[in-house]
Amino acid sequence: MPPPSEQESNIHSIGPGAPPSSVPGNGFAAITATLTHTPIPESEIIYTEDAATKVTDRIRRRCYNCYTSDTSTWRRSNLAVGKVLCNKCGLFERTHSRPRPEQFPHKRTSL
């Protein structure tokens, strides 16, 4: 049986269950160090209502009607072509053919 190579002896000396980043000289530690995600400051984030703009880490969508940036689904506006709407505003616009109001009128109570 031939003697084990230097890399094989390093793996066995560390242990067969060791993560790849702990094996010296394989380059995984350097790769994982460069792939760590640093949060982007809020001041550098740009919001857009344009449907054609590609969303990235620095560019996020915002509803054309209510200006929210958090929704389950983005919808395209039929009234303002090329703009995006949040799920609530998009469904309201599709069913009522008008933009969703900021506040709904109070319902009258029965006497």
PDB file of N, CA and C in Angstrom:
ATOM      1  N   MET A   1       0.847  -1.172   0.000  1.00  0.00           N
ATOM      2  CA  MET A   1       0.000   0.000   0.000  1.00  0.00           C
ATOM      3  C   MET A   1       0.892   1.235   0.000  1.00  0.00           C
ATOM      4  N   PRO A   2       0.672   2.171  -0.940  1.00  0.00           N
ATOM      5  CA  PRO A   2       1.534   3.363  -1.005  1.00  0.00           C
ATOM      6  C   PRO A   2       1.246   4.305   0.158  1.00  0.00           C
ATOM      7  N   PRO A   3       2.230   5.123   0.548  1.00  0.00           N
ATOM      8  CA  PRO A   3       2.010   6.091   1.643  1.00  0.00           C
ATOM      9  C   PRO A   3       1.007   7.158   1.212  1.00  0.00           C
ATOM     10  N   PRO A   4       0.199   7.684   2.156  1.00  0.00           N
ATOM     11  CA  PRO A   4      -0.799   8.706   1.807  1.00  0.00           C
ATOM     12  C   PRO A   4      -0.129  10.014   1.389  1.00  0.00           C
ATOM     13  N   SER A   5      -0.798  10.737   0.497  1.00  0.00           N
ATOM     14  CA  SER A   5      -0.265  12.022   0.051  1.00  0.00           C
ATOM     15  C   SER A   5      -0.353  13.018   1.210  1.00  0.00           C
ATOM     16  N   GLU A   6       0.268  14.190   1.038  1.00  0.00           N
ATOM     17  CA  GLU A   6       0.293  15.197   2.107  1.00  0.00           C
ATOM     18  C   GLU A   6      -1.118  15.703   2.421  1.00  0.00           C
ATOM     19  N   GLN A   7      -1.951  15.931   1.380  1.00  0.00           N
ATOM     20  CA  GLN A   7      -3.305  16.429   1.602  1.00  0.00           C
ATOM     21  C   GLN A   7      -4.157  15.378   2.310  1.00  0.00           C
ATOM     22  N   GLU A   8      -4.010  14.084   1.927  1.00  0.00           N
ATOM     23  CA  GLU A   8      -4.770  13.027   2.589  1.00  0.00           C
ATOM     24  C   GLU A   8      -4.390  12.920   4.050  1.00  0.00           C
ATOM     25  N   SER A   9      -3.107  13.059   4.352  1.00  0.00           N
ATOM     26  CA  SER A   9      -2.686  12.969   5.752  1.00  0.00           C
ATOM     27  C   SER A   9      -3.227  14.157   6.550  1.00  0.00           C
ATOM     28  N   ASN A  10      -3.346  15.337   5.926  1.00  0.00           N
ATOM     29  CA  ASN A  10      -3.936  16.488   6.619  1.00  0.00           C
ATOM     30  C   ASN A  10      -5.403  16.257   6.927  1.00  0.00           C
ATOM     31  N   ILE A  11      -6.132  15.662   5.995  1.00  0.00           N
ATOM     32  CA  ILE A  11      -7.546  15.402   6.210  1.00  0.00           C
ATOM     33  C   ILE A  11      -7.734  14.408   7.339  1.00  0.00           C
ATOM     34  N   HIS A  12      -6.950  13.353   7.328  1.00  0.00           N
ATOM     35  CA  HIS A  12      -7.107  12.342   8.367  1.00  0.00           C
ATOM     36  C   HIS A  12      -6.634  12.842   9.722  1.00  0.00           C
ATOM     37  N   SER A  13      -5.628  13.743   9.726  1.00  0.00           N
ATOM     38  CA  SER A  13      -5.176  14.251  11.015  1.00  0.00           C
ATOM     39  C   SER A  13      -6.206  15.204  11.616  1.00  0.00           C
ATOM     40  N   ILE A  14      -6.998  15.894  10.787  1.00  0.00           N
ATOM     41  CA  ILE A  14      -8.051  16.773  11.285  1.00  0.00           C
ATOM     42  C   ILE A  14      -9.265  15.951  11.656  1.00  0.00           C
ATOM     43  N   GLY A  15      -9.571  14.968  10.842  1.00  0.00           N
ATOM     44  CA  GLY A  15     -10.719  14.098  11.104  1.00  0.00           C
ATOM     45  C   GLY A  15     -11.595  14.021   9.877  1.00  0.00           C
ATOM     46  N   PRO A  16     -12.191  12.878   9.641  1.00  0.00           N
ATOM     47  CA  PRO A  16     -13.004  12.726   8.432  1.00  0.00           C
ATOM     48  C   PRO A  16     -14.276  13.567   8.454  1.00  0.00           C
ATOM     49  N   GLY A  17     -14.786  13.970   9.604  1.00  0.00           N
ATOM     50  CA  GLY A  17     -16.009  14.754   9.678  1.00  0.00           C
ATOM     51  C   GLY A  17     -15.769  16.253   9.729  1.00  0.00           C
ATOM     52  N   ALA A  18     -14.529  16.688   9.549  1.00  0.00           N
ATOM     53  CA  ALA A  18     -14.210  18.113   9.653  1.00  0.00           C
ATOM     54  C   ALA A  18     -14.750  18.861   8.454  1.00  0.00           C
ATOM     55  N   PRO A  19     -15.219  20.111   8.637  1.00  0.00           N
ATOM     56  CA  PRO A  19     -15.704  20.899   7.510  1.00  0.00           C
ATOM     57  C   PRO A  19     -14.568  21.241   6.563  1.00  0.00           C
ATOM     58  N   PRO A  20     -14.837  21.420   5.262  1.00  0.00           N
ATOM     59  CA  PRO A  20     -13.782  21.708   4.288  1.00  0.00           C
ATOM     60  C   PRO A  20     -12.994  22.971   4.602  1.00  0.00           C
ATOM     61  N   SER A  21     -13.609  23.945   5.284  1.00  0.00           N
ATOM     62  CA  SER A  21     -12.885  25.186   5.566  1.00  0.00           C
ATOM     63  C   SER A  21     -11.761  24.985   6.570  1.00  0.00           C
ATOM     64  N   SER A  22     -11.780  23.865   7.334  1.00  0.00           N
ATOM     65  CA  SER A  22     -10.728  23.643   8.314  1.00  0.00           C
ATOM     66  C   SER A  22      -9.537  22.917   7.726  1.00  0.00           C
ATOM     67  N   VAL A  23      -9.649  22.437   6.498  1.00  0.00           N
ATOM     68  CA  VAL A  23      -8.539  21.750   5.862  1.00  0.00           C
ATOM     69  C   VAL A  23      -7.582  22.797   5.320  1.00  0.00           C
ATOM     70  N   PRO A  24      -6.302  22.748   5.748  1.00  0.00           N
ATOM     71  CA  PRO A  24      -5.370  23.784   5.307  1.00  0.00           C
ATOM     72  C   PRO A  24      -5.045  23.664   3.828  1.00  0.00           C
ATOM     73  N   GLY A  25      -4.976  24.812   3.165  1.00  0.00           N
ATOM     74  CA  GLY A  25      -4.525  24.856   1.799  1.00  0.00           C
ATOM     75  C   GLY A  25      -5.571  24.550   0.742  1.00  0.00           C
ATOM     76  N   ASN A  26      -6.833  24.372   1.087  1.00  0.00           N
ATOM     77  CA  ASN A  26      -7.797  24.047   0.036  1.00  0.00           C
ATOM     78  C   ASN A  26      -8.518  25.270  -0.504  1.00  0.00           C
ATOM     79  N   GLY A  27      -8.389  26.440   0.104  1.00  0.00           N
ATOM     80  CA  GLY A  27      -8.946  27.665  -0.436  1.00  0.00           C
ATOM     81  C   GLY A  27     -10.377  27.973  -0.028  1.00  0.00           C
ATOM     82  N   PHE A  28     -11.068  27.065   0.651  1.00  0.00           N
ATOM     83  CA  PHE A  28     -12.451  27.313   1.036  1.00  0.00           C
ATOM     84  C   PHE A  28     -12.572  28.450   2.048  1.00  0.00           C
ATOM     85  N   ALA A  29     -11.619  28.567   2.951  1.00  0.00           N
ATOM     86  CA  ALA A  29     -11.684  29.625   3.964  1.00  0.00           C
ATOM     87  C   ALA A  29     -11.617  30.998   3.308  1.00  0.00           C
ATOM     88  N   ALA A  30     -10.790  31.144   2.288  1.00  0.00           N
ATOM     89  CA  ALA A  30     -10.673  32.432   1.599  1.00  0.00           C
ATOM     90  C   ALA A  30     -11.950  32.758   0.836  1.00  0.00           C
ATOM     91  N   ILE A  31     -12.565  31.744   0.227  1.00  0.00           N
ATOM     92  CA  ILE A  31     -13.791  31.976  -0.541  1.00  0.00           C
ATOM     93  C   ILE A  31     -14.932  32.360   0.386  1.00  0.00           C
ATOM     94  N   THR A  32     -15.112  31.630   1.483  1.00  0.00           N
ATOM     95  CA  THR A  32     -16.220  31.939   2.384  1.00  0.00           C
ATOM     96  C   THR A  32     -16.028  33.288   3.052  1.00  0.00           C
ATOM     97  N   ALA A  33     -14.810  33.723   3.248  1.00  0.00           N
ATOM     98  CA  ALA A  33     -14.573  35.034   3.852  1.00  0.00           C
ATOM     99  C   ALA A  33     -14.978  36.153   2.895  1.00  0.00           C
ATOM    100  N   THR A  34     -14.820  35.939   1.588  1.00  0.00           N
ATOM    101  CA  THR A  34     -15.175  36.993   0.638  1.00  0.00           C
ATOM    102  C   THR A  34     -16.661  36.999   0.312  1.00  0.00           C
ATOM    103  N   LEU A  35     -17.399  35.922   0.608  1.00  0.00           N
ATOM    104  CA  LEU A  35     -18.817  35.846   0.278  1.00  0.00           C
ATOM    105  C   LEU A  35     -19.734  36.309   1.405  1.00  0.00           C
ATOM    106  N   THR A  36     -19.193  36.779   2.494  1.00  0.00           N
ATOM    107  CA  THR A  36     -20.052  37.236   3.585  1.00  0.00           C
ATOM    108  C   THR A  36     -20.811  38.473   3.149  1.00  0.00           C
ATOM    109  N   HIS A  37     -22.064  38.576   3.548  1.00  0.00           N
ATOM    110  CA  HIS A  37     -22.947  39.664   3.118  1.00  0.00           C
ATOM    111  C   HIS A  37     -22.942  40.772   4.159  1.00  0.00           C
ATOM    112  N   THR A  38     -22.608  41.970   3.724  1.00  0.00           N
ATOM    113  CA  THR A  38     -22.670  43.118   4.625  1.00  0.00           C
ATOM    114  C   THR A  38     -23.931  43.900   4.294  1.00  0.00           C
ATOM    115  N   PRO A  39     -24.704  44.302   5.288  1.00  0.00           N
ATOM    116  CA  PRO A  39     -25.938  45.048   5.013  1.00  0.00           C
ATOM    117  C   PRO A  39     -25.636  46.415   4.402  1.00  0.00           C
ATOM    118  N   ILE A  40     -26.520  46.832   3.496  1.00  0.00           N
ATOM    119  CA  ILE A  40     -26.376  48.130   2.835  1.00  0.00           C
ATOM    120  C   ILE A  40     -27.082  49.175   3.686  1.00  0.00           C
ATOM    121  N   PRO A  41     -26.429  50.307   3.958  1.00  0.00           N
ATOM    122  CA  PRO A  41     -27.089  51.357   4.752  1.00  0.00           C
ATOM    123  C   PRO A  41     -28.354  51.854   4.068  1.00  0.00           C
ATOM    124  N   GLU A  42     -29.360  52.200   4.859  1.00  0.00           N
ATOM    125  CA  GLU A  42     -30.657  52.649   4.341  1.00  0.00           C
ATOM    126  C   GLU A  42     -30.512  53.882   3.462  1.00  0.00           C
ATOM    127  N   SER A  43     -29.502  54.712   3.714  1.00  0.00           N
ATOM    128  CA  SER A  43     -29.316  55.931   2.928  1.00  0.00           C
ATOM    129  C   SER A  43     -28.876  55.640   1.494  1.00  0.00           C
ATOM    130  N   GLU A  44     -28.321  54.451   1.236  1.00  0.00           N
ATOM    131  CA  GLU A  44     -27.849  54.114  -0.104  1.00  0.00           C
ATOM    132  C   GLU A  44     -28.880  53.325  -0.914  1.00  0.00           C
ATOM    133  N   ILE A  45     -30.041  53.004  -0.348  1.00  0.00           N
ATOM    134  CA  ILE A  45     -31.065  52.246  -1.050  1.00  0.00           C
ATOM    135  C   ILE A  45     -31.951  53.206  -1.839  1.00  0.00           C
ATOM    136  N   ILE A  46     -32.191  52.872  -3.092  1.00  0.00           N
ATOM    137  CA  ILE A  46     -33.020  53.678  -3.988  1.00  0.00           C
ATOM    138  C   ILE A  46     -34.332  52.937  -4.210  1.00  0.00           C
ATOM    139  N   TYR A  47     -35.459  53.641  -4.091  1.00  0.00           N
ATOM    140  CA  TYR A  47     -36.771  53.049  -4.320  1.00  0.00           C
ATOM    141  C   TYR A  47     -37.305  53.512  -5.659  1.00  0.00           C
ATOM    142  N   THR A  48     -37.950  52.600  -6.391  1.00  0.00           N
ATOM    143  CA  THR A  48     -38.503  52.932  -7.703  1.00  0.00           C
ATOM    144  C   THR A  48     -39.911  52.374  -7.846  1.00  0.00           C
ATOM    145  N   GLU A  49     -40.733  53.093  -8.589  1.00  0.00           N
ATOM    146  CA  GLU A  49     -42.083  52.628  -8.912  1.00  0.00           C
ATOM    147  C   GLU A  49     -42.147  52.123 -10.344  1.00  0.00           C
ATOM    148  N   ASP A  50     -41.045  52.152 -11.054  1.00  0.00           N
ATOM    149  CA  ASP A  50     -41.003  51.771 -12.456  1.00  0.00           C
ATOM    150  C   ASP A  50     -40.936  50.256 -12.592  1.00  0.00           C
ATOM    151  N   ALA A  51     -41.832  49.693 -13.398  1.00  0.00           N
ATOM    152  CA  ALA A  51     -41.895  48.241 -13.564  1.00  0.00           C
ATOM    153  C   ALA A  51     -40.721  47.703 -14.374  1.00  0.00           C
ATOM    154  N   ALA A  52     -40.118  48.518 -15.222  1.00  0.00           N
ATOM    155  CA  ALA A  52     -39.042  48.060 -16.091  1.00  0.00           C
ATOM    156  C   ALA A  52     -37.684  48.023 -15.390  1.00  0.00           C
ATOM    157  N   THR A  53     -37.545  48.676 -14.255  1.00  0.00           N
ATOM    158  CA  THR A  53     -36.270  48.720 -13.546  1.00  0.00           C
ATOM    159  C   THR A  53     -35.999  47.391 -12.870  1.00  0.00           C
ATOM    160  N   LYS A  54     -34.787  46.880 -13.069  1.00  0.00           N
ATOM    161  CA  LYS A  54     -34.402  45.616 -12.447  1.00  0.00           C
ATOM    162  C   LYS A  54     -34.102  45.849 -10.971  1.00  0.00           C
ATOM    163  N   VAL A  55     -34.626  44.988 -10.119  1.00  0.00           N
ATOM    164  CA  VAL A  55     -34.444  45.109  -8.672  1.00  0.00           C
ATOM    165  C   VAL A  55     -33.104  44.483  -8.281  1.00  0.00           C
ATOM    166  N   THR A  56     -32.303  45.221  -7.497  1.00  0.00           N
ATOM    167  CA  THR A  56     -31.017  44.731  -7.002  1.00  0.00           C
ATOM    168  C   THR A  56     -30.959  44.955  -5.494  1.00  0.00           C
ATOM    169  N   ASP A  57     -29.762  44.781  -4.922  1.00  0.00           N
ATOM    170  CA  ASP A  57     -29.588  45.045  -3.491  1.00  0.00           C
ATOM    171  C   ASP A  57     -29.783  46.521  -3.170  1.00  0.00           C
ATOM    172  N   ARG A  58     -29.412  47.387  -4.096  1.00  0.00           N
ATOM    173  CA  ARG A  58     -29.504  48.832  -3.864  1.00  0.00           C
ATOM    174  C   ARG A  58     -30.788  49.450  -4.408  1.00  0.00           C
ATOM    175  N   ILE A  59     -31.469  48.768  -5.314  1.00  0.00           N
ATOM    176  CA  ILE A  59     -32.707  49.284  -5.905  1.00  0.00           C
ATOM    177  C   ILE A  59     -33.859  48.382  -5.492  1.00  0.00           C
ATOM    178  N   ARG A  60     -34.856  48.954  -4.847  1.00  0.00           N
ATOM    179  CA  ARG A  60     -36.018  48.199  -4.385  1.00  0.00           C
ATOM    180  C   ARG A  60     -37.287  48.825  -4.947  1.00  0.00           C
ATOM    181  N   ARG A  61     -38.342  48.018  -5.023  1.00  0.00           N
ATOM    182  CA  ARG A  61     -39.626  48.509  -5.526  1.00  0.00           C
ATOM    183  C   ARG A  61     -40.407  49.217  -4.439  1.00  0.00           C
ATOM    184  N   ARG A  62     -41.258  50.136  -4.887  1.00  0.00           N
ATOM    185  CA  ARG A  62     -42.159  50.860  -3.990  1.00  0.00           C
ATOM    186  C   ARG A  62     -43.477  51.036  -4.730  1.00  0.00           C
ATOM    187  N   CYS A  63     -44.583  50.893  -4.010  1.00  0.00           N
ATOM    188  CA  CYS A  63     -45.901  51.019  -4.610  1.00  0.00           C
ATOM    189  C   CYS A  63     -46.109  52.443  -5.120  1.00  0.00           C
ATOM    190  N   TYR A  64     -46.604  52.557  -6.343  1.00  0.00           N
ATOM    191  CA  TYR A  64     -46.854  53.858  -6.951  1.00  0.00           C
ATOM    192  C   TYR A  64     -47.989  54.595  -6.251  1.00  0.00           C
ATOM    193  N   ASN A  65     -48.907  53.864  -5.625  1.00  0.00           N
ATOM    194  CA  ASN A  65     -50.083  54.472  -5.017  1.00  0.00           C
ATOM    195  C   ASN A  65     -49.878  54.776  -3.523  1.00  0.00           C
ATOM    196  N   CYS A  66     -49.455  53.787  -2.741  1.00  0.00           N
ATOM    197  CA  CYS A  66     -49.378  53.982  -1.282  1.00  0.00           C
ATOM    198  C   CYS A  66     -47.941  54.054  -0.750  1.00  0.00           C
ATOM    199  N   TYR A  67     -46.963  53.874  -1.610  1.00  0.00           N
ATOM    200  CA  TYR A  67     -45.534  54.006  -1.288  1.00  0.00           C
ATOM    201  C   TYR A  67     -44.998  52.960  -0.322  1.00  0.00           C
ATOM    202  N   THR A  68     -45.656  51.817  -0.202  1.00  0.00           N
ATOM    203  CA  THR A  68     -45.110  50.755   0.636  1.00  0.00           C
ATOM    204  C   THR A  68     -44.031  50.007  -0.142  1.00  0.00           C
ATOM    205  N   SER A  69     -43.077  49.453   0.571  1.00  0.00           N
ATOM    206  CA  SER A  69     -42.026  48.674  -0.088  1.00  0.00           C
ATOM    207  C   SER A  69     -42.073  47.216   0.345  1.00  0.00           C
ATOM    208  N   ASP A  70     -43.088  46.831   1.104  1.00  0.00           N
ATOM    209  CA  ASP A  70     -43.208  45.463   1.598  1.00  0.00           C
ATOM    210  C   ASP A  70     -44.575  44.906   1.209  1.00  0.00           C
ATOM    211  N   THR A  71     -44.591  43.894   0.353  1.00  0.00           N
ATOM    212  CA  THR A  71     -45.837  43.272  -0.081  1.00  0.00           C
ATOM    213  C   THR A  71     -45.565  41.832  -0.489  1.00  0.00           C
ATOM    214  N   SER A  72     -46.599  41.033  -0.502  1.00  0.00           N
ATOM    215  CA  SER A  72     -46.430  39.632  -0.905  1.00  0.00           C
ATOM    216  C   SER A  72     -46.270  39.508  -2.416  1.00  0.00           C
ATOM    217  N   THR A  73     -46.934  40.380  -3.182  1.00  0.00           N
ATOM    218  CA  THR A  73     -46.903  40.313  -4.641  1.00  0.00           C
ATOM    219  C   THR A  73     -46.916  41.717  -5.226  1.00  0.00           C
ATOM    220  N   TRP A  74     -46.110  41.926  -6.248  1.00  0.00           N
ATOM    221  CA  TRP A  74     -46.123  43.194  -6.974  1.00  0.00           C
ATOM    222  C   TRP A  74     -46.995  43.030  -8.203  1.00  0.00           C
ATOM    223  N   ARG A  75     -47.796  44.054  -8.522  1.00  0.00           N
ATOM    224  CA  ARG A  75     -48.701  44.019  -9.667  1.00  0.00           C
ATOM    225  C   ARG A  75     -48.454  45.241 -10.545  1.00  0.00           C
ATOM    226  N   ARG A  76     -48.698  45.086 -11.837  1.00  0.00           N
ATOM    227  CA  ARG A  76     -48.549  46.201 -12.779  1.00  0.00           C
ATOM    228  C   ARG A  76     -49.837  47.007 -12.808  1.00  0.00           C
ATOM    229  N   SER A  77     -49.698  48.300 -12.889  1.00  0.00           N
ATOM    230  CA  SER A  77     -50.856  49.188 -12.929  1.00  0.00           C
ATOM    231  C   SER A  77     -51.419  49.282 -14.342  1.00  0.00           C
ATOM    232  N   ASN A  78     -52.755  49.279 -14.455  1.00  0.00           N
ATOM    233  CA  ASN A  78     -53.406  49.490 -15.748  1.00  0.00           C
ATOM    234  C   ASN A  78     -53.679  50.972 -15.983  1.00  0.00           C
ATOM    235  N   LEU A  79     -53.851  51.727 -14.920  1.00  0.00           N
ATOM    236  CA  LEU A  79     -54.137  53.158 -15.040  1.00  0.00           C
ATOM    237  C   LEU A  79     -52.867  53.973 -15.262  1.00  0.00           C
ATOM    238  N   ALA A  80     -51.812  53.655 -14.538  1.00  0.00           N
ATOM    239  CA  ALA A  80     -50.516  54.313 -14.703  1.00  0.00           C
ATOM    240  C   ALA A  80     -49.573  53.285 -15.341  1.00  0.00           C
ATOM    241  N   VAL A  81     -49.558  53.245 -16.651  1.00  0.00           N
ATOM    242  CA  VAL A  81     -48.813  52.225 -17.388  1.00  0.00           C
ATOM    243  C   VAL A  81     -47.325  52.319 -17.066  1.00  0.00           C
ATOM    244  N   GLY A  82     -46.732  51.162 -16.789  1.00  0.00           N
ATOM    245  CA  GLY A  82     -45.304  51.102 -16.487  1.00  0.00           C
ATOM    246  C   GLY A  82     -44.984  51.241 -15.018  1.00  0.00           C
ATOM    247  N   LYS A  83     -45.983  51.387 -14.175  1.00  0.00           N
ATOM    248  CA  LYS A  83     -45.766  51.530 -12.732  1.00  0.00           C
ATOM    249  C   LYS A  83     -46.157  50.244 -12.013  1.00  0.00           C
ATOM    250  N   VAL A  84     -45.572  50.028 -10.829  1.00  0.00           N
ATOM    251  CA  VAL A  84     -45.907  48.844 -10.043  1.00  0.00           C
ATOM    252  C   VAL A  84     -46.738  49.234  -8.828  1.00  0.00           C
ATOM    253  N   LEU A  85     -47.582  48.309  -8.420  1.00  0.00           N
ATOM    254  CA  LEU A  85     -48.448  48.506  -7.259  1.00  0.00           C
ATOM    255  C   LEU A  85     -48.263  47.336  -6.304  1.00  0.00           C
ATOM    256  N   CYS A  86     -48.514  47.591  -5.016  1.00  0.00           N
ATOM    257  CA  CYS A  86     -48.515  46.502  -4.050  1.00  0.00           C
ATOM    258  C   CYS A  86     -49.756  45.638  -4.304  1.00  0.00           C
ATOM    259  N   ASN A  87     -49.856  44.525  -3.642  1.00  0.00           N
ATOM    260  CA  ASN A  87     -50.965  43.607  -3.849  1.00  0.00           C
ATOM    261  C   ASN A  87     -52.313  44.269  -3.551  1.00  0.00           C
ATOM    262  N   LYS A  88     -52.415  44.987  -2.435  1.00  0.00           N
ATOM    263  CA  LYS A  88     -53.689  45.631  -2.061  1.00  0.00           C
ATOM    264  C   LYS A  88     -54.127  46.652  -3.099  1.00  0.00           C
ATOM    265  N   CYS A  89     -53.224  47.541  -3.491  1.00  0.00           N
ATOM    266  CA  CYS A  89     -53.576  48.588  -4.458  1.00  0.00           C
ATOM    267  C   CYS A  89     -53.857  47.993  -5.834  1.00  0.00           C
ATOM    268  N   GLY A  90     -53.122  46.960  -6.222  1.00  0.00           N
ATOM    269  CA  GLY A  90     -53.332  46.339  -7.518  1.00  0.00           C
ATOM    270  C   GLY A  90     -54.675  45.646  -7.625  1.00  0.00           C
ATOM    271  N   LEU A  91     -55.080  44.939  -6.569  1.00  0.00           N
ATOM    272  CA  LEU A  91     -56.385  44.276  -6.582  1.00  0.00           C
ATOM    273  C   LEU A  91     -57.517  45.292  -6.554  1.00  0.00           C
ATOM    274  N   PHE A  92     -57.363  46.357  -5.770  1.00  0.00           N
ATOM    275  CA  PHE A  92     -58.390  47.391  -5.711  1.00  0.00           C
ATOM    276  C   PHE A  92     -58.540  48.068  -7.074  1.00  0.00           C
ATOM    277  N   GLU A  93     -57.416  48.387  -7.717  1.00  0.00           N
ATOM    278  CA  GLU A  93     -57.465  49.044  -9.026  1.00  0.00           C
ATOM    279  C   GLU A  93     -58.120  48.140 -10.073  1.00  0.00           C
ATOM    280  N   ARG A  94     -57.829  46.850 -10.016  1.00  0.00           N
ATOM    281  CA  ARG A  94     -58.409  45.948 -11.002  1.00  0.00           C
ATOM    282  C   ARG A  94     -59.916  45.790 -10.818  1.00  0.00           C
ATOM    283  N   THR A  95     -60.388  45.754  -9.584  1.00  0.00           N
ATOM    284  CA  THR A  95     -61.817  45.548  -9.352  1.00  0.00           C
ATOM    285  C   THR A  95     -62.644  46.827  -9.451  1.00  0.00           C
ATOM    286  N   HIS A  96     -62.063  47.989  -9.119  1.00  0.00           N
ATOM    287  CA  HIS A  96     -62.824  49.242  -9.090  1.00  0.00           C
ATOM    288  C   HIS A  96     -62.453  50.228 -10.200  1.00  0.00           C
ATOM    289  N   SER A  97     -61.447  49.907 -10.981  1.00  0.00           N
ATOM    290  CA  SER A  97     -60.973  50.769 -12.086  1.00  0.00           C
ATOM    291  C   SER A  97     -60.651  52.187 -11.629  1.00  0.00           C
ATOM    292  N   ARG A  98     -60.086  52.295 -10.446  1.00  0.00           N
ATOM    293  CA  ARG A  98     -59.608  53.577  -9.919  1.00  0.00           C
ATOM    294  C   ARG A  98     -58.557  53.283  -8.849  1.00  0.00           C
ATOM    295  N   PRO A  99     -57.717  54.251  -8.520  1.00  0.00           N
ATOM    296  CA  PRO A  99     -56.696  54.007  -7.498  1.00  0.00           C
ATOM    297  C   PRO A  99     -57.312  53.781  -6.115  1.00  0.00           C
ATOM    298  N   ARG A 100     -56.648  52.995  -5.313  1.00  0.00           N
ATOM    299  CA  ARG A 100     -57.098  52.735  -3.943  1.00  0.00           C
ATOM    300  C   ARG A 100     -56.915  54.005  -3.115  1.00  0.00           C
ATOM    301  N   PRO A 101     -57.947  54.438  -2.391  1.00  0.00           N
ATOM    302  CA  PRO A 101     -57.810  55.665  -1.580  1.00  0.00           C
ATOM    303  C   PRO A 101     -56.919  55.430  -0.358  1.00  0.00           C
ATOM    304  N   GLU A 102     -56.349  56.515   0.152  1.00  0.00           N
ATOM    305  CA  GLU A 102     -55.510  56.409   1.347  1.00  0.00           C
ATOM    306  C   GLU A 102     -56.335  55.987   2.554  1.00  0.00           C
ATOM    307  N   GLN A 103     -57.516  56.592   2.701  1.00  0.00           N
ATOM    308  CA  GLN A 103     -58.419  56.243   3.798  1.00  0.00           C
ATOM    309  C   GLN A 103     -59.806  56.016   3.225  1.00  0.00           C
ATOM    310  N   PHE A 104     -60.463  55.013   3.733  1.00  0.00           N
ATOM    311  CA  PHE A 104     -61.825  54.739   3.308  1.00  0.00           C
ATOM    312  C   PHE A 104     -62.790  55.523   4.194  1.00  0.00           C
ATOM    313  N   PRO A 105     -63.911  55.956   3.635  1.00  0.00           N
ATOM    314  CA  PRO A 105     -64.891  56.689   4.460  1.00  0.00           C
ATOM    315  C   PRO A 105     -65.477  55.779   5.551  1.00  0.00           C
ATOM    316  N   HIS A 106     -65.824  56.369   6.662  1.00  0.00           N
ATOM    317  CA  HIS A 106     -66.401  55.607   7.764  1.00  0.00           C
ATOM    318  C   HIS A 106     -67.787  55.111   7.402  1.00  0.00           C
ATOM    319  N   LYS A 107     -68.069  53.918   7.820  1.00  0.00           N
ATOM    320  CA  LYS A 107     -69.419  53.380   7.582  1.00  0.00           C
ATOM    321  C   LYS A 107     -70.352  53.926   8.640  1.00  0.00           C
ATOM    322  N   ARG A 108     -71.576  54.166   8.260  1.00  0.00           N
ATOM    323  CA  ARG A 108     -72.570  54.634   9.206  1.00  0.00           C
ATOM    324  C   ARG A 108     -73.062  53.467  10.052  1.00  0.00           C
ATOM    325  N   THR A 109     -73.258  53.724  11.289  1.00  0.00           N
ATOM    326  CA  THR A 109     -73.791  52.681  12.158  1.00  0.00           C
ATOM    327  C   THR A 109     -75.307  52.792  12.188  1.00  0.00           C
ATOM    328  N   SER A 110     -75.959  51.674  12.345  1.00  0.00           N
ATOM    329  CA  SER A 110     -77.428  51.698  12.411  1.00  0.00           C
ATOM    330  C   SER A 110     -77.890  52.165  13.797  1.00  0.00           C
ATOM    331  N   LEU A 111     -79.016  52.845  13.829  1.00  0.00           N
ATOM    332  CA  LEU A 111     -79.529  53.380  15.083  1.00  0.00           C
ATOM    333  C   LEU A 111     -80.401  52.431  15.795  1.00  0.00           C
TER     334      LEU A 111
END
